Amino acid sequence: MPQGAAWLRPLQVRERARGSGGNADPGVLLVVSALILGAVVSLAAGQGLISPFEMEDKGSSTNSIDTLVLAELSKHGIEAAPLCSDEVFIRRAYLDVIGTLPTASEVERFLQDTTPDKRYTLIEDLLGREEFADYWALKWCDILRVKSEFPINLWPNAVQCYHRWIRESIRDNKPCDEFAREMLTSSGSNFRVPPVNFYRAIQNREPEGIAGAVALTFMGARVEHWAPEQRDGMAKFFSRVAYKSTAEWKEEIVYLDPAPAEAMSAMLPDGVTLQLDPGKDPRGLFADWLLSADNPWFARNMANRVWSWLLGRGIIHEADDIRPDNPPSNPALLSYLEDELVRSGYDLRRLYLLILNSHTYQRSSIARSEAPEAELLFACYPVRRMDAEALIDAVCGITGTREAYSSAVPEPFSYIPDYQRSIALADGSITSPFLEMFGRPPRDTGLESERTNAMTDPQRLHLLNSSQIQRKIEQGVRSRLTGGGGKGDQRDMVHSVYLNILSRKPTEDETAAALRYAESSGLKRDQAMCDLAWALINTKEFLYRH
C-alpha cells in the first residue's frame, strides 16, 4: 500500500453466513472480500496519484493560506499532498459544512459539472443551506453547554429559547463579536432573553467560575494555567452577576447586584488595571476590551476554533488551550486568519469561504511524508471519524430510516419526533443509545475534548452485529439503496449502493468483486446487496471524514 495510505485499510469485518431460509447461522463465519470492504488503491500511470481519491493540482493557488502553509512545509522539507478528487471533495465538504452526506443525485450532478469554479459554487451553496445553521449550532451548543438536565439544569424552556437564538444567529450570519457581546452583557429572564442563558449554563456561579467559563469560551484559554492575580483580577468583572428565581416554573433572572456601593479595581488578562464605576456594568468594560479590533484574544480564539472544526485540529492545539507555552504550529497563518476576521467585520462566513476554498483544505488525506510534523503543519487533510450525530444521520439518510430519542427525565419538549435529525437536536439531555456509544459530548464543561471521535471495540461490534443497523440496511435496500427496490441490472444496483454510501462510483475491480460475491453466495439479489451495503458501512472510507 502506498506511503501514507494506512487509513484506507478496511476494518476487520466478518459476515455471518446464512443457512436455509436466510436466517443467520452463528456457527459459520465468512470473511467478506477485501475488494468489497475497502477502496481499491491503484496508482495512476505516470502520476503517482491514488485513484479514486486524488487528482492532479491544476495551477498554483492564489489563496494566502496556501502560501503560508507551503512556506512552513518547505522549511521542514515536507511535501504537500495533491488535491483530493471531486468525489472526495463533495463528501468532505458536505460533512464538514453541513454535517450531512450528499445524496447520490447531488454527487452525480457535481461530478458531471465541468465548470472550473464548481467547488467554490458548491461551498457557497452549502453555506446557505438550513443544515449549515443546524450543524454549526450543534457545535456552539456543545461549548455553550446547552443542556436541560443535571448538572447544567437550564431546563427545557430555556434550552429551546437559547438554541433558537444560537441557530438564528448563525443562519443570519450575525457578526461573531456581536454574538459574543450579547452573551457577555445580557441580563433578564432566561426564558425571555436567550443569551442570558450563557450565565445560567455555568455550574460554578462564583465570580471565579464565571470568569473561567468566559475565558474558555471567548478566549480559548483555561484559567487554571494563569497566575492567581490574573484569575482574581478578571473575576472582578463578574463579581456583580446575581441570580434569582421567579414564580414561573424553573425560570430564573440574571441581574447585576447593586452592591458594592464604591468603586473597585479589576485587572484585565493583559495586566492592565481598570477602575470599575458602581454605576456601570463591569461586564461591558470587559466586552469592550475583549472585542476591540486591536486585541488578539477573541479573534485568535475564533479563527483557531473555526480552523479546528474544519480541519480536525487547531493551529494551536487543543483549540481551547491557548497559552504562551502552547504556541501555534504556524504563527503567520494564525495571524493572517485573525486579521482577515477583523477586517471582514467578524464575518465568520467569509472565514469559512477563505479556508474551504484553499488548496490546504482541499488536499488529499493520503500523506506524502512520514515526518511527525506533517500532520500539525497541514501537509494533508487530517482523517477523523464522523461525529456521532452526523454518523447516525448518514446511516438513517442512506437507508431511509429514523432514529429514536429519549430523555432520562421526562420534561416538556423531551418528546422528539422520529423525523428529527441528530444534528438539529437542541438539548444535550435528549439522546439515544447510538449517540451515547459514539462519543456525543455530555455538554458539562464546554471543553472541546468532551467529544470523543476515536473508534472503540463496542462501536465496531455495534456496526457489525446490531439488529438496529441490520434492520436499517435491509429497509434501505428495499426502499432506496439499489435505486429501484431491488429491480433492474445488478451492475447498476452495485453502482447505486456505492454512490449512496461512499459518494462515489465503484472501480471496475470493486464492481467485479461485488458481482462475483452475489453470484457465488447463492443469496437472493436483495440479500446480496444488503451484504454489500453492510460491508461498505463498516469500512473506514464510510465511517471517517477524509
Protein backbone atom coordinates (compact mmCIF):
# COMPACT_ATOMS: atom_id res chain seq x y z
CA MET A 1 0.00 0.00 0.00
CA PRO A 2 1.38 3.47 -0.86
CA GLN A 3 3.01 5.60 1.81
CA GLY A 4 0.54 7.47 3.99
CA ALA A 5 -2.48 5.46 2.86
CA ALA A 6 -2.91 3.45 6.05
CA TRP A 7 -6.40 4.82 6.69
CA LEU A 8 -7.60 3.01 3.56
CA ARG A 9 -7.09 -0.38 5.18
CA PRO A 10 -10.53 -1.85 5.91
CA LEU A 11 -11.77 -2.62 9.38
CA GLN A 12 -11.67 -6.30 10.26
CA VAL A 13 -15.20 -7.21 9.17
CA ARG A 14 -16.81 -10.61 9.06
CA GLU A 15 -20.05 -11.74 7.51
CA ARG A 16 -22.36 -14.22 9.14
CA ALA A 17 -23.16 -16.95 6.62
CA ARG A 18 -26.85 -17.63 6.28
CA GLY A 19 -28.44 -21.00 6.35
CA SER A 20 -31.64 -22.07 4.73
CA GLY A 21 -34.42 -19.54 4.74
CA GLY A 22 -31.99 -16.63 5.07
CA ASN A 23 -31.57 -17.00 8.85
CA ALA A 24 -28.20 -16.23 10.38
CA ASP A 25 -26.08 -19.27 11.13
CA PRO A 26 -23.83 -18.18 14.03
CA GLY A 27 -21.61 -21.23 13.59
CA VAL A 28 -20.26 -20.16 10.21
CA LEU A 29 -18.20 -17.04 9.52
CA LEU A 30 -17.02 -15.89 6.14
CA VAL A 31 -14.58 -13.06 5.58
CA VAL A 32 -16.06 -10.54 3.16
CA SER A 33 -13.86 -9.82 0.15
CA ALA A 34 -11.34 -7.02 0.76
CA LEU A 35 -12.31 -5.57 -2.58
CA ILE A 36 -15.85 -5.09 -1.26
CA LEU A 37 -14.75 -3.91 2.18
CA GLY A 38 -12.35 -1.21 1.20
CA ALA A 39 -11.40 1.02 -1.65
CA VAL A 40 -9.11 -0.38 -4.32
CA VAL A 41 -5.93 1.66 -4.34
CA SER A 42 -4.35 1.97 -7.76
CA LEU A 43 -1.63 4.31 -8.91
CA ALA A 44 -2.45 6.49 -11.90
CA ALA A 45 0.04 5.81 -14.63
CA GLY A 46 2.97 8.20 -14.52
CA GLN A 47 1.35 10.46 -11.92
CA GLY A 48 1.78 8.68 -8.59
CA LEU A 49 -1.79 9.69 -7.76
CA ILE A 50 -4.06 7.34 -5.85
CA SER A 51 -7.33 6.70 -7.63
CA PRO A 52 -10.16 7.39 -6.98
CA PHE A 53 -9.08 9.66 -4.12
CA GLU A 54 -6.69 12.16 -5.69
CA MET A 55 -6.36 14.40 -8.70
CA GLU A 56 -3.65 16.47 -10.29
CA ASP A 57 -3.24 20.02 -9.00
CA LYS A 58 -4.33 22.39 -11.76
CA GLY A 59 -2.33 25.57 -11.41
CA SER A 60 -0.97 27.22 -8.31
CA SER A 61 -3.22 28.61 -5.61
CA THR A 62 -3.61 32.36 -5.09
CA ASN A 63 -5.04 31.81 -1.60
CA SER A 64 -2.77 33.32 1.05
CA ILE A 65 -3.48 30.37 3.33
CA ASP A 66 -1.69 28.07 0.89
CA THR A 67 1.28 30.41 0.56
CA LEU A 68 1.76 30.44 4.33
CA VAL A 69 1.24 26.69 4.74
CA LEU A 70 3.58 25.76 1.89
CA ALA A 71 6.26 28.12 3.20
CA GLU A 72 6.20 26.35 6.57
CA LEU A 73 6.22 22.92 4.95
CA SER A 74 9.21 23.94 2.84
CA LYS A 75 11.16 24.89 5.97
CA HIS A 76 10.77 21.33 7.21
CA GLY A 77 11.31 19.64 3.84
CA ILE A 78 7.78 18.20 3.82
CA GLU A 79 5.90 17.50 0.60
CA ALA A 80 2.24 18.51 0.50
CA ALA A 81 -0.38 16.02 -0.66
CA PRO A 82 -2.04 16.65 -4.05
CA LEU A 83 -5.63 17.83 -4.30
CA CYS A 84 -8.37 15.37 -3.45
CA SER A 85 -10.66 14.10 -6.20
CA ASP A 86 -14.07 15.60 -6.85
CA GLU A 87 -15.70 12.52 -5.31
CA VAL A 88 -13.77 13.00 -2.09
CA PHE A 89 -14.28 16.76 -2.09
CA ILE A 90 -18.07 16.74 -2.32
CA ARG A 91 -18.34 14.22 0.51
CA ARG A 92 -15.82 16.11 2.66
CA ALA A 93 -17.44 19.50 2.09
CA TYR A 94 -20.93 18.20 2.87
CA LEU A 95 -19.80 16.54 6.11
CA ASP A 96 -17.62 19.45 7.28
CA VAL A 97 -20.01 22.28 6.38
CA ILE A 98 -23.49 20.83 6.95
CA GLY A 99 -22.81 17.54 8.78
CA THR A 100 -24.73 15.68 6.10
CA LEU A 101 -23.84 13.17 3.38
CA PRO A 102 -24.60 14.22 -0.20
CA THR A 103 -27.30 12.26 -1.95
CA ALA A 104 -26.46 10.11 -4.96
CA SER A 105 -28.09 12.62 -7.32
CA GLU A 106 -26.12 15.51 -5.76
CA VAL A 107 -22.88 13.58 -6.26
CA GLU A 108 -23.70 12.78 -9.89
CA ARG A 109 -24.60 16.40 -10.67
CA PHE A 110 -21.35 17.64 -9.16
CA LEU A 111 -19.23 15.06 -10.99
CA GLN A 112 -20.89 15.91 -14.30
CA ASP A 113 -20.35 19.65 -13.82
CA THR A 114 -17.39 20.81 -15.95
CA THR A 115 -17.25 24.45 -14.85
CA PRO A 116 -13.86 25.41 -13.38
CA ASP A 117 -15.28 27.08 -10.26
CA LYS A 118 -17.70 24.31 -9.29
CA ARG A 119 -16.03 23.74 -5.90
CA TYR A 120 -16.41 27.41 -5.00
CA THR A 121 -20.05 27.32 -6.10
CA LEU A 122 -20.70 24.19 -4.05
CA ILE A 123 -19.21 25.78 -0.93
CA GLU A 124 -21.36 28.89 -1.31
CA ASP A 125 -24.46 26.75 -1.77
CA LEU A 126 -23.69 24.71 1.35
CA LEU A 127 -23.17 27.83 3.47
CA GLY A 128 -26.67 28.95 2.52
CA ARG A 129 -28.44 25.72 3.42
CA GLU A 130 -30.59 25.22 6.51
CA GLU A 131 -28.41 22.30 7.59
CA PHE A 132 -25.47 24.71 7.90
CA ALA A 133 -27.28 26.54 10.70
CA ASP A 134 -28.27 23.21 12.28
CA TYR A 135 -24.75 21.76 12.26
CA TRP A 136 -22.88 24.83 13.44
CA ALA A 137 -25.50 25.49 16.13
CA LEU A 138 -24.70 21.96 17.30
CA LYS A 139 -21.00 22.88 17.61
CA TRP A 140 -21.77 26.07 19.52
CA CYS A 141 -24.27 24.31 21.76
CA ASP A 142 -21.51 21.90 22.78
CA ILE A 143 -19.21 24.64 24.03
CA LEU A 144 -22.05 26.78 25.43
CA ARG A 145 -23.35 23.80 27.46
CA VAL A 146 -26.91 23.81 26.11
CA LYS A 147 -28.48 21.09 28.25
CA SER A 148 -31.71 20.98 30.26
CA GLU A 149 -30.80 18.43 32.92
CA PHE A 150 -28.08 17.79 35.52
CA PRO A 151 -25.51 19.22 36.02
CA ILE A 152 -26.30 22.27 33.85
CA ASN A 153 -30.05 22.42 34.56
CA LEU A 154 -31.08 25.05 32.00
CA TRP A 155 -34.46 23.27 31.82
CA PRO A 156 -36.32 22.63 28.55
CA ASN A 157 -37.96 26.06 28.09
CA ALA A 158 -34.60 27.82 28.31
CA VAL A 159 -32.88 25.24 26.09
CA GLN A 160 -35.38 25.81 23.28
CA CYS A 161 -35.11 29.58 23.65
CA TYR A 162 -31.30 29.55 23.74
CA HIS A 163 -30.87 27.08 20.87
CA ARG A 164 -33.25 29.04 18.63
CA TRP A 165 -31.25 32.23 19.24
CA ILE A 166 -27.92 30.48 18.54
CA ARG A 167 -29.22 28.88 15.36
CA GLU A 168 -30.80 32.11 14.07
CA SER A 169 -27.57 34.00 14.79
CA ILE A 170 -25.65 31.50 12.64
CA ARG A 171 -28.30 31.40 9.92
CA ASP A 172 -28.37 35.21 9.70
CA ASN A 173 -24.56 35.42 9.82
CA LYS A 174 -24.55 37.68 12.86
CA PRO A 175 -21.01 39.09 13.35
CA CYS A 176 -19.33 36.91 15.94
CA ASP A 177 -18.24 39.87 18.06
CA GLU A 178 -21.90 40.94 18.33
CA PHE A 179 -22.84 37.33 19.15
CA ALA A 180 -20.29 37.29 21.98
CA ARG A 181 -21.20 40.77 23.30
CA GLU A 182 -24.87 39.85 23.62
CA MET A 183 -23.97 36.88 25.81
CA LEU A 184 -21.39 38.72 27.90
CA THR A 185 -23.61 41.71 28.73
CA SER A 186 -27.09 40.14 28.91
CA SER A 187 -29.46 40.35 31.86
CA GLY A 188 -33.06 39.27 32.39
CA SER A 189 -35.21 36.14 32.29
CA ASN A 190 -33.58 33.03 30.90
CA PHE A 191 -36.92 32.18 29.24
CA ARG A 192 -37.28 35.57 27.52
CA VAL A 193 -33.71 36.82 26.96
CA PRO A 194 -31.97 33.94 25.17
CA PRO A 195 -28.30 34.98 25.54
CA VAL A 196 -28.64 35.31 29.31
CA ASN A 197 -28.51 31.52 29.37
CA PHE A 198 -24.76 31.79 28.91
CA TYR A 199 -24.60 32.71 32.61
CA ARG A 200 -27.31 30.21 33.56
CA ALA A 201 -25.35 27.32 31.99
CA ILE A 202 -22.27 27.89 34.18
CA GLN A 203 -22.09 25.37 37.03
CA ASN A 204 -19.81 27.47 39.27
CA ARG A 205 -21.64 30.77 39.77
CA GLU A 206 -18.94 32.35 41.86
CA PRO A 207 -17.09 35.22 40.10
CA GLU A 208 -14.06 32.96 39.60
CA GLY A 209 -16.21 30.25 37.99
CA ILE A 210 -17.91 32.73 35.65
CA ALA A 211 -14.54 34.24 34.67
CA GLY A 212 -13.24 30.73 33.89
CA ALA A 213 -16.19 29.98 31.61
CA VAL A 214 -15.80 33.33 29.83
CA ALA A 215 -12.09 32.74 29.26
CA LEU A 216 -12.66 29.21 27.95
CA THR A 217 -15.49 30.17 25.60
CA PHE A 218 -14.38 33.52 24.21
CA MET A 219 -10.61 33.43 24.66
CA GLY A 220 -9.88 29.73 24.21
CA ALA A 221 -7.96 29.84 27.49
CA ARG A 222 -8.01 27.73 30.64
CA VAL A 223 -7.63 29.95 33.69
CA GLU A 224 -6.01 27.19 35.72
CA HIS A 225 -2.86 27.97 33.73
CA TRP A 226 -3.00 31.65 34.74
CA ALA A 227 -1.27 33.34 37.65
CA PRO A 228 -3.56 33.83 40.70
CA GLU A 229 -3.57 37.61 40.30
CA GLN A 230 -4.76 37.24 36.69
CA ARG A 231 -7.64 34.98 37.74
CA ASP A 232 -8.63 37.22 40.64
CA GLY A 233 -8.37 40.37 38.56
CA MET A 234 -10.63 39.03 35.80
CA ALA A 235 -13.16 37.66 38.30
CA LYS A 236 -13.86 41.22 39.49
CA PHE A 237 -15.59 41.98 36.18
CA PHE A 238 -18.20 39.33 37.02
CA SER A 239 -18.47 39.91 40.77
CA ARG A 240 -21.85 41.63 40.47
CA VAL A 241 -23.62 38.89 38.48
CA ALA A 242 -26.52 37.57 40.57
CA TYR A 243 -29.41 35.15 40.13
CA LYS A 244 -32.97 34.95 41.44
CA SER A 245 -35.96 32.71 40.84
CA THR A 246 -39.46 33.77 39.82
CA ALA A 247 -42.93 32.36 40.33
CA GLU A 248 -42.80 30.77 36.87
CA TRP A 249 -41.73 27.14 36.78
CA LYS A 250 -37.90 26.96 36.68
CA GLU A 251 -37.49 30.48 35.33
CA GLU A 252 -34.50 32.43 36.64
CA ILE A 253 -33.42 36.05 36.36
CA VAL A 254 -29.79 37.04 35.82
CA TYR A 255 -29.15 40.58 37.01
CA LEU A 256 -26.48 42.92 38.35
CA ASP A 257 -26.27 43.08 42.12
CA PRO A 258 -26.30 46.80 43.07
CA ALA A 259 -23.54 46.25 45.70
CA PRO A 260 -20.80 47.28 46.21
CA ALA A 261 -21.51 50.94 46.68
CA GLU A 262 -17.99 52.14 45.97
CA ALA A 263 -15.64 51.80 43.03
CA MET A 264 -13.21 48.87 42.87
CA SER A 265 -10.29 47.94 40.68
CA ALA A 266 -10.07 44.96 38.36
CA MET A 267 -7.25 43.62 36.20
CA LEU A 268 -7.65 42.57 32.59
CA PRO A 269 -5.88 39.41 31.38
CA ASP A 270 -3.21 41.55 29.69
CA GLY A 271 -2.27 43.09 33.06
CA VAL A 272 -4.00 46.46 32.59
CA THR A 273 -5.89 47.63 35.71
CA LEU A 274 -9.26 49.41 35.43
CA GLN A 275 -11.40 51.23 37.98
CA LEU A 276 -14.95 49.88 37.98
CA ASP A 277 -17.57 52.56 38.46
CA PRO A 278 -20.50 51.17 40.53
CA GLY A 279 -22.89 52.92 38.15
CA LYS A 280 -21.71 50.94 35.13
CA ASP A 281 -21.91 47.28 34.17
CA PRO A 282 -18.34 45.95 34.54
CA ARG A 283 -19.13 43.21 32.04
CA GLY A 284 -19.48 45.88 29.36
CA LEU A 285 -15.97 47.15 30.10
CA PHE A 286 -14.61 43.64 29.77
CA ALA A 287 -16.50 43.11 26.50
CA ASP A 288 -15.13 46.41 25.14
CA TRP A 289 -11.61 45.22 25.87
CA LEU A 290 -12.08 41.68 24.58
CA LEU A 291 -13.81 42.67 21.32
CA SER A 292 -11.53 45.56 20.44
CA ALA A 293 -10.09 45.19 16.93
CA ASP A 294 -6.52 45.52 18.22
CA ASN A 295 -6.95 42.89 20.94
CA PRO A 296 -5.89 39.48 19.56
CA TRP A 297 -7.53 37.27 22.19
CA PHE A 298 -11.03 36.98 20.73
CA ALA A 299 -10.13 36.92 17.02
CA ARG A 300 -7.36 34.38 17.63
CA ASN A 301 -9.74 32.12 19.51
CA MET A 302 -12.45 32.33 16.85
CA ALA A 303 -10.07 31.82 13.92
CA ASN A 304 -8.39 28.90 15.63
CA ARG A 305 -11.70 27.24 16.56
CA VAL A 306 -13.10 27.51 13.04
CA TRP A 307 -9.86 26.11 11.60
CA SER A 308 -10.00 23.25 14.11
CA TRP A 309 -13.63 22.46 13.30
CA LEU A 310 -12.92 22.35 9.55
CA LEU A 311 -9.52 20.63 9.57
CA GLY A 312 -9.69 18.44 12.63
CA ARG A 313 -7.03 20.18 14.73
CA GLY A 314 -6.24 23.76 15.63
CA ILE A 315 -3.24 25.77 14.55
CA ILE A 316 -2.98 25.98 18.31
CA HIS A 317 -3.87 22.51 19.53
CA GLU A 318 -6.03 21.91 21.51
CA ALA A 319 -8.28 24.69 20.27
CA ASP A 320 -9.36 25.75 23.76
CA ASP A 321 -5.91 25.64 25.35
CA ILE A 322 -4.32 28.89 24.17
CA ARG A 323 -1.36 29.85 26.36
CA PRO A 324 2.21 31.12 25.90
CA ASP A 325 3.78 27.67 26.30
CA ASN A 326 1.44 26.10 23.71
CA PRO A 327 2.44 28.05 20.58
CA PRO A 328 0.77 27.85 17.16
CA SER A 329 2.26 25.40 14.67
CA ASN A 330 2.18 28.15 12.02
CA PRO A 331 2.15 31.60 13.71
CA ALA A 332 1.99 33.51 10.43
CA LEU A 333 -1.07 31.54 9.31
CA LEU A 334 -2.95 32.15 12.56
CA SER A 335 -2.08 35.84 12.49
CA TYR A 336 -3.34 36.11 8.91
CA LEU A 337 -6.66 34.44 9.79
CA GLU A 338 -7.10 36.73 12.82
CA ASP A 339 -6.51 39.82 10.68
CA GLU A 340 -8.90 38.61 7.99
CA LEU A 341 -11.62 38.00 10.54
CA VAL A 342 -11.26 41.50 12.00
CA ARG A 343 -11.07 43.14 8.55
CA SER A 344 -14.28 41.40 7.48
CA GLY A 345 -16.18 42.82 10.45
CA TYR A 346 -16.09 39.48 12.27
CA ASP A 347 -17.89 37.76 9.41
CA LEU A 348 -17.44 34.03 10.09
CA ARG A 349 -18.95 33.03 6.76
CA ARG A 350 -16.16 34.91 5.00
CA LEU A 351 -13.67 32.96 7.09
CA TYR A 352 -15.31 29.65 6.12
CA LEU A 353 -15.11 30.62 2.44
CA LEU A 354 -11.44 31.53 2.75
CA ILE A 355 -10.48 28.25 4.42
CA LEU A 356 -12.74 25.95 2.40
CA ASN A 357 -11.51 27.34 -0.93
CA SER A 358 -7.84 26.87 -0.05
CA HIS A 359 -5.78 24.03 -1.50
CA THR A 360 -4.78 23.28 2.09
CA TYR A 361 -8.34 22.28 2.92
CA GLN A 362 -8.84 20.52 -0.43
CA ARG A 363 -5.72 18.35 -0.25
CA SER A 364 -5.83 14.59 -0.25
CA SER A 365 -5.88 12.86 3.12
CA ILE A 366 -3.12 10.49 1.98
CA ALA A 367 0.15 11.86 3.34
CA ARG A 368 3.24 12.11 1.15
CA SER A 369 5.56 12.33 4.14
CA GLU A 370 6.05 10.33 7.32
CA ALA A 371 7.65 13.28 9.09
CA PRO A 372 6.00 13.80 12.51
CA GLU A 373 5.46 17.50 11.69
CA ALA A 374 3.38 16.73 8.57
CA GLU A 375 0.06 16.47 10.40
CA LEU A 376 0.45 19.53 12.61
CA LEU A 377 1.62 21.62 9.61
CA PHE A 378 -1.38 20.50 7.48
CA ALA A 379 0.52 18.76 4.70
CA CYS A 380 -2.63 16.71 4.08
CA TYR A 381 -6.25 16.71 5.20
CA PRO A 382 -6.49 15.08 8.66
CA VAL A 383 -8.57 11.89 8.72
CA ARG A 384 -11.09 11.60 11.55
CA ARG A 385 -14.23 9.68 12.32
CA MET A 386 -17.59 11.33 11.69
CA ASP A 387 -19.26 12.99 14.66
CA ALA A 388 -21.81 10.74 16.36
CA GLU A 389 -24.73 12.92 15.19
CA ALA A 390 -23.52 13.06 11.58
CA LEU A 391 -22.85 9.32 11.54
CA ILE A 392 -26.31 8.21 12.66
CA ASP A 393 -27.89 10.83 10.36
CA ALA A 394 -25.82 9.39 7.49
CA VAL A 395 -26.94 5.83 8.24
CA CYS A 396 -30.56 6.95 8.52
CA GLY A 397 -30.31 9.12 5.41
CA ILE A 398 -28.93 6.44 3.10
CA THR A 399 -31.36 3.80 4.39
CA GLY A 400 -34.45 5.98 4.66
CA THR A 401 -34.93 5.14 8.35
CA ARG A 402 -35.31 7.12 11.59
CA GLU A 403 -33.60 7.27 14.97
CA ALA A 404 -35.48 7.16 18.29
CA TYR A 405 -34.50 9.68 21.01
CA SER A 406 -35.31 9.90 24.68
CA SER A 407 -34.61 11.91 27.84
CA ALA A 408 -33.68 10.43 31.20
CA VAL A 409 -36.05 12.85 32.94
CA PRO A 410 -39.46 13.37 31.27
CA GLU A 411 -39.99 17.08 30.72
CA PRO A 412 -41.86 19.29 28.28
CA PHE A 413 -40.04 19.20 24.94
CA SER A 414 -38.40 15.88 25.80
CA TYR A 415 -40.50 14.11 23.17
CA ILE A 416 -38.69 14.25 19.85
CA PRO A 417 -40.47 13.18 16.64
CA ASP A 418 -38.77 10.38 14.75
CA TYR A 419 -38.10 12.60 11.73
CA GLN A 420 -35.80 14.82 13.84
CA ARG A 421 -32.18 14.75 12.65
CA SER A 422 -29.48 14.35 15.29
CA ILE A 423 -27.53 17.41 14.13
CA ALA A 424 -30.62 19.52 14.84
CA LEU A 425 -31.17 18.32 18.42
CA ALA A 426 -31.28 21.34 20.72
CA ASP A 427 -30.90 19.66 24.09
CA GLY A 428 -27.83 17.78 25.28
CA SER A 429 -30.12 15.78 27.57
CA ILE A 430 -32.05 14.35 24.60
CA THR A 431 -30.09 11.38 23.35
CA SER A 432 -30.11 7.81 22.01
CA PRO A 433 -28.03 4.71 22.74
CA PHE A 434 -26.17 5.20 19.45
CA LEU A 435 -25.22 8.80 20.26
CA GLU A 436 -24.02 7.80 23.72
CA MET A 437 -21.92 4.94 22.37
CA PHE A 438 -20.32 7.01 19.60
CA GLY A 439 -18.99 9.83 21.76
CA ARG A 440 -21.56 12.61 21.74
CA PRO A 441 -20.36 15.15 24.37
CA PRO A 442 -22.29 15.43 27.65
CA ARG A 443 -22.06 19.27 27.49
CA ASP A 444 -21.00 19.58 31.12
CA THR A 445 -17.81 21.66 30.86
CA GLY A 446 -17.66 23.43 27.48
CA LEU A 447 -14.34 21.72 26.68
CA GLU A 448 -13.79 20.56 23.10
CA SER A 449 -12.32 17.33 24.47
CA GLU A 450 -15.74 16.23 25.75
CA ARG A 451 -16.48 14.96 22.25
CA THR A 452 -14.67 11.69 21.50
CA ASN A 453 -14.45 10.50 17.91
CA ALA A 454 -12.00 7.64 18.39
CA MET A 455 -13.29 4.24 17.27
CA THR A 456 -13.79 1.70 20.07
CA ASP A 457 -14.43 -2.04 20.10
CA PRO A 458 -18.06 -1.64 21.26
CA GLN A 459 -18.68 0.74 18.35
CA ARG A 460 -17.22 -1.72 15.84
CA LEU A 461 -19.25 -4.58 17.27
CA HIS A 462 -22.43 -2.49 17.16
CA LEU A 463 -21.94 -1.62 13.50
CA LEU A 464 -21.11 -5.23 12.66
CA ASN A 465 -23.65 -7.13 14.69
CA SER A 466 -26.53 -4.98 15.94
CA SER A 467 -30.07 -5.68 14.79
CA GLN A 468 -30.60 -1.89 14.65
CA ILE A 469 -28.06 -1.43 11.84
CA GLN A 470 -29.13 -4.63 10.06
CA ARG A 471 -32.78 -3.56 10.01
CA LYS A 472 -31.86 -0.15 8.65
CA ILE A 473 -29.78 -1.69 5.86
CA GLU A 474 -32.48 -4.20 4.88
CA GLN A 475 -35.09 -1.44 4.74
CA GLY A 476 -32.73 0.78 2.77
CA VAL A 477 -32.01 -1.86 0.13
CA ARG A 478 -35.73 -2.32 -0.39
CA SER A 479 -36.56 1.38 -0.50
CA ARG A 480 -33.67 3.35 -1.95
CA LEU A 481 -30.09 1.99 -1.86
CA THR A 482 -30.36 -0.03 -5.06
CA GLY A 483 -32.11 2.76 -6.94
CA GLY A 484 -35.10 0.61 -7.83
CA GLY A 485 -36.19 -1.52 -4.95
CA GLY A 486 -34.00 -4.47 -5.97
CA LYS A 487 -35.07 -4.46 -9.62
CA GLY A 488 -33.04 -3.83 -12.71
CA ASP A 489 -29.45 -4.54 -13.75
CA GLN A 490 -27.29 -5.83 -10.90
CA ARG A 491 -24.28 -3.80 -12.03
CA ASP A 492 -26.40 -0.64 -11.75
CA MET A 493 -27.52 -1.73 -8.31
CA VAL A 494 -23.89 -2.07 -7.17
CA HIS A 495 -23.15 1.41 -8.53
CA SER A 496 -26.18 2.81 -6.69
CA VAL A 497 -25.09 1.26 -3.37
CA TYR A 498 -21.61 2.76 -3.72
CA LEU A 499 -22.94 6.19 -4.68
CA ASN A 500 -25.35 6.29 -1.76
CA ILE A 501 -22.87 5.07 0.86
CA LEU A 502 -19.39 6.19 -0.27
CA SER A 503 -20.44 9.11 -2.53
CA ARG A 504 -18.53 7.65 -5.46
CA LYS A 505 -18.90 5.01 -8.14
CA PRO A 506 -17.11 1.71 -7.62
CA THR A 507 -13.98 0.91 -9.57
CA GLU A 508 -14.17 -1.88 -12.13
CA ASP A 509 -12.42 -4.24 -9.71
CA GLU A 510 -14.89 -3.38 -6.93
CA THR A 511 -17.85 -3.91 -9.27
CA ALA A 512 -16.48 -7.27 -10.40
CA ALA A 513 -15.86 -8.38 -6.81
CA ALA A 514 -19.38 -7.43 -5.74
CA LEU A 515 -20.94 -9.26 -8.72
CA ARG A 516 -18.80 -12.35 -8.07
CA TYR A 517 -19.92 -12.38 -4.45
CA ALA A 518 -23.59 -12.04 -5.42
CA GLU A 519 -23.27 -14.91 -7.91
CA SER A 520 -21.20 -17.29 -5.77
CA SER A 521 -23.02 -16.75 -2.46
CA GLY A 522 -26.29 -18.20 -3.69
CA LEU A 523 -28.18 -15.37 -1.98
CA LYS A 524 -31.17 -13.58 -3.40
CA ARG A 525 -30.37 -10.31 -5.11
CA ASP A 526 -31.72 -8.14 -2.27
CA GLN A 527 -29.75 -10.06 0.33
CA ALA A 528 -26.52 -9.84 -1.67
CA MET A 529 -27.00 -6.07 -1.90
CA CYS A 530 -27.69 -5.95 1.86
CA ASP A 531 -24.37 -7.66 2.44
CA LEU A 532 -22.60 -5.21 0.16
CA ALA A 533 -24.19 -2.24 1.93
CA TRP A 534 -23.36 -3.76 5.32
CA ALA A 535 -19.74 -4.25 4.30
CA LEU A 536 -19.38 -0.69 2.97
CA ILE A 537 -20.95 0.87 6.08
CA ASN A 538 -18.25 -0.91 8.09
CA THR A 539 -15.35 0.48 6.06
CA LYS A 540 -13.14 3.32 7.18
CA GLU A 541 -13.99 5.08 3.95
CA PHE A 542 -17.58 5.44 5.16
CA LEU A 543 -17.00 5.99 8.87
CA TYR A 544 -14.25 8.58 8.53
CA ARG A 545 -14.06 12.08 7.14
CA HIS A 546 -11.28 12.03 4.58
